[in-house]
Every structure is written in structure tokens, then in C-alpha cells.
Protein backbone atom coordinates (compact mmCIF):
# COMPACT_ATOMS: atom_id res chain seq x y z
CA MET A 1 0.00 0.00 0.00
CA ILE A 2 1.31 3.43 -0.97
CA SER A 3 1.74 6.00 1.79
CA ILE A 4 1.98 9.69 0.87
CA LEU A 5 3.33 12.11 3.47
CA ASP A 6 3.53 15.89 3.22
CA LEU A 7 7.00 17.16 4.14
CA ASP A 8 6.13 20.79 3.43
CA GLU A 9 4.24 22.85 0.85
CA ARG A 10 6.57 21.87 -1.99
CA ARG A 11 7.65 18.34 -1.09
CA ILE A 12 5.99 15.01 -0.48
CA TYR A 13 7.42 11.63 0.49
CA VAL A 14 6.01 8.41 -0.96
CA GLU A 15 6.73 4.87 0.23
CA ASN A 16 5.53 1.32 -0.04
CA GLU A 17 6.66 -1.71 1.96
CA LYS A 18 7.29 -3.54 -1.34
CA TRP A 19 9.77 -0.97 -2.66
CA SER A 20 13.28 -2.19 -1.94
CA CYS A 21 16.72 -3.02 -3.27
CA TYR A 22 19.00 -5.94 -2.34
CA PHE A 23 22.78 -5.89 -2.06
CA GLY A 24 23.13 -9.66 -2.07
CA PHE A 25 23.47 -10.09 1.69
CA GLY A 26 21.56 -9.14 4.80
CA ARG A 27 17.99 -7.95 4.40
CA PRO A 28 16.66 -5.86 1.49
CA VAL A 29 16.70 -2.09 2.04
CA ARG A 30 13.24 -0.56 1.78
CA LEU A 31 13.09 2.62 -0.28
CA GLY A 32 10.98 5.74 -0.56
CA LEU A 33 10.65 8.61 -3.02
CA VAL A 34 10.78 12.36 -2.41
CA LEU A 35 8.92 14.50 -4.96
CA GLU A 36 9.72 18.21 -4.92
CA ALA A 37 8.29 21.10 -6.92
CA VAL A 38 11.29 23.13 -8.10
CA ASP A 39 10.99 26.60 -9.63
CA LEU A 40 13.64 26.67 -12.35
CA ALA A 41 13.23 30.42 -12.82
CA ALA A 42 14.08 31.06 -9.17
CA GLU A 43 16.99 28.62 -9.36
CA SER A 44 18.20 30.40 -12.50
CA ASP A 45 18.11 33.77 -10.75
CA ARG A 46 20.22 32.39 -7.94
CA CYS A 47 22.71 30.92 -10.40
CA ASN A 48 22.97 34.20 -12.27
CA GLU A 49 23.53 36.09 -9.00
CA ASP A 50 26.24 33.63 -7.98
CA LEU A 51 27.91 33.97 -11.37
CA ASP A 52 27.45 37.77 -11.30
CA GLN A 53 26.63 37.74 -15.00
CA GLU A 54 25.75 40.94 -16.83
CA ASN A 55 23.68 38.92 -19.30
CA PRO A 56 21.81 36.24 -17.34
CA ILE A 57 22.23 32.86 -18.96
CA PHE A 58 18.57 31.95 -18.46
CA GLU A 59 17.05 35.24 -19.61
CA SER A 60 15.75 33.80 -22.87
CA TYR A 61 13.73 31.12 -21.09
CA TRP A 62 11.65 33.12 -18.62
CA GLU A 63 10.72 36.78 -18.55
CA GLU A 64 10.03 38.29 -15.14
CA ASP A 65 6.81 40.05 -16.25
CA SER A 66 5.40 37.08 -18.13
CA GLU A 67 2.13 35.57 -16.89
CA GLN A 68 2.77 32.47 -18.95
CA GLN A 69 5.81 31.11 -17.16
CA TYR A 70 6.04 27.35 -17.02
CA SER A 71 9.08 27.17 -14.82
CA ILE A 72 8.10 24.60 -12.18
CA VAL A 73 9.08 20.95 -12.57
CA ILE A 74 8.86 17.91 -10.31
CA ASP A 75 12.19 16.51 -9.14
CA ALA A 76 12.27 12.96 -7.79
CA TYR A 77 14.86 11.31 -5.53
CA ILE A 78 15.02 7.79 -4.12
CA ILE A 79 16.13 7.53 -0.49
CA PRO A 80 16.11 4.70 2.06
CA GLN A 81 13.11 4.49 4.33
CA PRO A 82 14.01 5.98 7.75
CA GLU A 83 14.13 2.63 9.53
CA TYR A 84 16.97 1.51 7.23
CA LEU A 85 19.25 4.51 7.65
CA ASP A 86 22.70 4.26 9.14
CA GLU A 87 22.55 4.75 12.89
CA GLY A 88 25.22 7.46 12.74
CA ILE A 89 23.04 9.54 10.39
CA VAL A 90 20.02 9.00 12.63
CA ASP A 91 21.96 10.10 15.70
CA GLN A 92 23.24 13.17 13.89
CA ALA A 93 19.70 14.09 12.81
CA ARG A 94 18.43 13.74 16.36
CA ASP A 95 21.29 15.88 17.67
CA GLU A 96 20.18 18.58 15.24
CA GLY A 97 16.56 18.48 16.35
CA ALA A 98 14.88 15.79 14.28
CA SER A 99 12.24 14.45 16.66
CA SER A 100 9.85 12.61 14.32
CA ARG A 101 9.92 10.28 11.35
CA LEU A 102 9.04 13.16 9.02
CA ASP A 103 11.83 15.26 10.51
CA LEU A 104 14.28 12.45 9.81
CA ILE A 105 13.14 12.10 6.19
CA SER A 106 13.50 15.84 5.64
CA TYR A 107 16.89 15.94 7.32
CA VAL A 108 18.34 13.13 5.21
CA TYR A 109 16.94 14.56 1.98
CA GLU A 110 18.14 18.11 2.69
CA ASN A 111 21.60 17.13 3.93
CA TYR A 112 22.43 13.99 1.96
CA GLY A 113 20.14 14.02 -1.05
CA GLY A 114 19.21 10.81 -2.82
CA VAL A 115 19.31 8.99 -6.14
CA PRO A 116 17.79 11.27 -8.79
CA VAL A 117 15.26 9.89 -11.26
CA ASN A 118 13.28 11.70 -13.92
CA ILE A 119 9.77 10.50 -13.28
CA ASP A 120 8.46 12.09 -16.49
CA ALA A 121 11.00 10.11 -18.50
CA LEU A 122 9.51 6.81 -17.31
CA GLN A 123 6.38 7.44 -19.33
CA PRO A 124 6.15 10.18 -21.99
CA ALA A 125 4.59 13.17 -20.27
CA LYS A 126 1.97 13.65 -23.01
CA SER A 127 0.50 10.21 -22.36
CA SER A 128 -0.31 11.13 -18.77
CA CYS A 129 -3.04 13.55 -19.83
CA GLY A 130 -6.33 12.58 -18.26
CA PHE A 131 -4.71 10.40 -15.56
CA SER A 132 -4.99 13.12 -12.94
CA SER A 133 -8.32 14.11 -11.45
CA PHE A 134 -7.80 17.56 -12.91
CA VAL A 135 -6.23 19.14 -15.95
CA ALA A 136 -3.25 21.26 -14.94
CA GLU A 137 -1.90 24.16 -16.95
CA THR A 138 1.33 22.62 -18.19
CA ASN A 139 3.87 22.88 -20.95
CA ILE A 140 5.69 19.79 -22.24
CA SER A 141 9.31 20.59 -23.07
CA SER A 142 12.17 18.43 -24.26
CA VAL A 143 15.35 18.82 -22.26
CA GLU A 144 18.72 17.10 -22.25
CA ASP A 145 19.50 14.93 -19.26
CA PRO A 146 23.01 14.55 -17.79
CA SER A 147 23.74 11.58 -20.07
CA GLY A 148 22.93 13.64 -23.17
CA ASP A 149 19.62 11.93 -23.93
CA GLU A 150 16.61 14.04 -24.83
CA ILE A 151 13.65 13.57 -22.49
CA GLU A 152 10.26 15.19 -22.00
CA MET A 153 9.47 17.06 -18.80
CA ARG A 154 6.20 18.52 -17.67
CA HIS A 155 6.48 22.20 -16.66
CA PHE A 156 3.85 23.87 -14.47
CA GLN A 157 2.90 27.50 -13.89
CA ASP A 158 1.67 27.04 -10.35
CA ARG A 159 3.35 25.18 -7.49
CA SER A 160 0.09 24.05 -5.91
CA GLU A 161 -1.01 22.49 -9.21
CA ALA A 162 2.40 20.85 -9.57
CA MET A 163 2.08 19.30 -6.11
CA LYS A 164 -1.48 18.17 -6.75
CA PHE A 165 -0.34 16.48 -9.95
CA ALA A 166 2.57 14.90 -8.07
CA LYS A 167 0.10 13.35 -5.63
CA ASP A 168 -2.55 12.39 -8.21
CA PHE A 169 -0.20 10.97 -10.84
CA HIS A 170 3.46 10.71 -9.90
CA ALA A 171 2.89 9.17 -6.46
CA VAL A 172 0.50 6.58 -7.94
CA TYR A 173 2.76 5.85 -10.89
CA ALA A 174 5.92 5.71 -8.76
CA GLY A 175 5.57 1.99 -8.14
CA GLN A 176 6.68 1.39 -11.74
CA LEU A 177 10.09 2.81 -10.83
CA PHE A 178 10.81 0.00 -8.44
CA SER A 179 10.00 -2.75 -10.90
CA PHE A 180 13.41 -2.03 -12.45
CA ILE A 181 15.17 -0.54 -9.44
CA ASP A 182 18.41 -2.42 -10.20
CA LEU A 183 18.75 -0.62 -13.54
CA LEU A 184 18.02 2.75 -11.97
CA LEU A 185 20.63 2.26 -9.28
CA ASP A 186 23.16 1.16 -11.89
CA ASN A 187 23.16 4.65 -13.42
CA PRO A 188 26.20 6.82 -12.65
CA LEU A 189 25.71 9.94 -10.50
CA ARG A 190 27.18 13.35 -11.23
CA ALA A 191 29.00 13.32 -7.91
CA GLY A 192 30.57 9.96 -8.76
CA GLY A 193 29.64 6.37 -8.11
CA THR A 194 26.21 4.91 -8.79
CA GLY A 195 22.86 4.84 -7.09
CA TRP A 196 23.97 1.68 -5.31
CA ASP A 197 26.85 3.61 -3.75
CA LYS A 198 24.49 6.37 -2.62
CA ILE A 199 22.06 3.97 -0.93
CA ARG A 200 24.99 2.05 0.58
CA ASP A 201 26.42 5.26 2.07
CA LEU A 202 23.08 6.13 3.64
CA THR A 203 22.54 2.68 5.11
CA LYS A 204 26.13 1.41 5.40
CA ALA A 205 24.78 -1.70 3.68
CA GLY A 206 24.29 -4.09 6.51
CA SER A 207 24.84 -1.73 9.41
CA THR A 208 21.34 -0.69 10.48
CA TYR A 209 18.93 -2.76 8.47
CA SER A 210 20.67 -6.09 9.11
CA LYS A 211 19.88 -5.70 12.80
CA LYS A 212 16.13 -5.46 12.25
């Protein structure tokens, strides 16, 4: 059964007891998925400020006075379920004020990240029309992923609509991710290593979950 938890107004956490990966020893590590509505225009502004560019590199994509901005996308990251995290990470989170399961999920995501997946790439975004209980104002754009492949991503105007779509469609469809989790975790990460390495670092593969 899928469980959907609100982390805050722009992030949800989705999990299912059947979602897991296996390292070949110990017990399987159960996994969850964080879905976050990210405003690319705001991120672009921050990048331009950091670069101190006279001619902002994202100026041609979004105009500040435009009412037709479609700058919000849904980012998705796989993380271990809280009960399978390394005890050292859990202790650190508690030392910094994490007092609940939701706090722990947020702490790990914000401080350690997860394994990125493009949930729109799993099924062409155009084919999802009608799946949601509402029709969101969206724009389907092709972008290049880190590997150089062209993929479709759904862009929203409004964050609340993006989050509603994430709950109505992405959270329900997320189970398809874990039917080929081994292939997803095989993919290299920008920071180095693979998704397997990321999950192993967060769980110390055999440290916490093997005791349960």
C-alpha cells in the first residue's frame, strides 16, 4: 500500500513496503521517493547572481513580467526508508533536532540528497493527460538529461497544481520505478559512483537494516 506524506508545501514523500533493493546479503533495504516542486526560474536567478553575469544565462527562457511562465518541474529522488538509515546519520539528525519520522526524512533529503530519477521520463509526459483528477496548466518541453539523452518534462505554472499532480499521478505511478530498481541504481551519479553507492552510504549496507 502506498503511503503519501507531506513534508512541506513543496515536497511530499512516498513509500511502499514492497519498494526495496537488495545488495546480495543481509535484508533488502526498503526505499521511498521524495517528490519536490522546483521553480527553475528562481533557481536560475540564484545561479545568475552567484555567477554575477551581466547577461543572465537563463534570460531567454523566462521573462520576469510574463504571466505564462512554465518554470516549475517535479524533481524525484530515491532515499532509504528511515528505519533503514545508518545509525550514525540518525543520531546526527536527532542531535540537530529531528524528533519525528518526518523530521528524519526531511533531514536526510536536505543534507544527503538521494538517487535522482526523472519520473516524467519513465512514461512520456503527453501520455499522462487525463490520468490526474484535474487538468493542470502545463507545458511539455524536451530537455537534455546529464547523459545527453533528450527527455520530455512537464512544466507547471503554479506550485500548488504541480504538487497536486505529483500526488494524483506521480505518487501513484511511482511503483513502476521500483519494478526495475536495479537498472536505476546502476546509473552513474554526477557526484561519482552509482545509485547503489548512494544507498549504501546512507545505510552502510548491513549496518542498520541487518539488525532489524
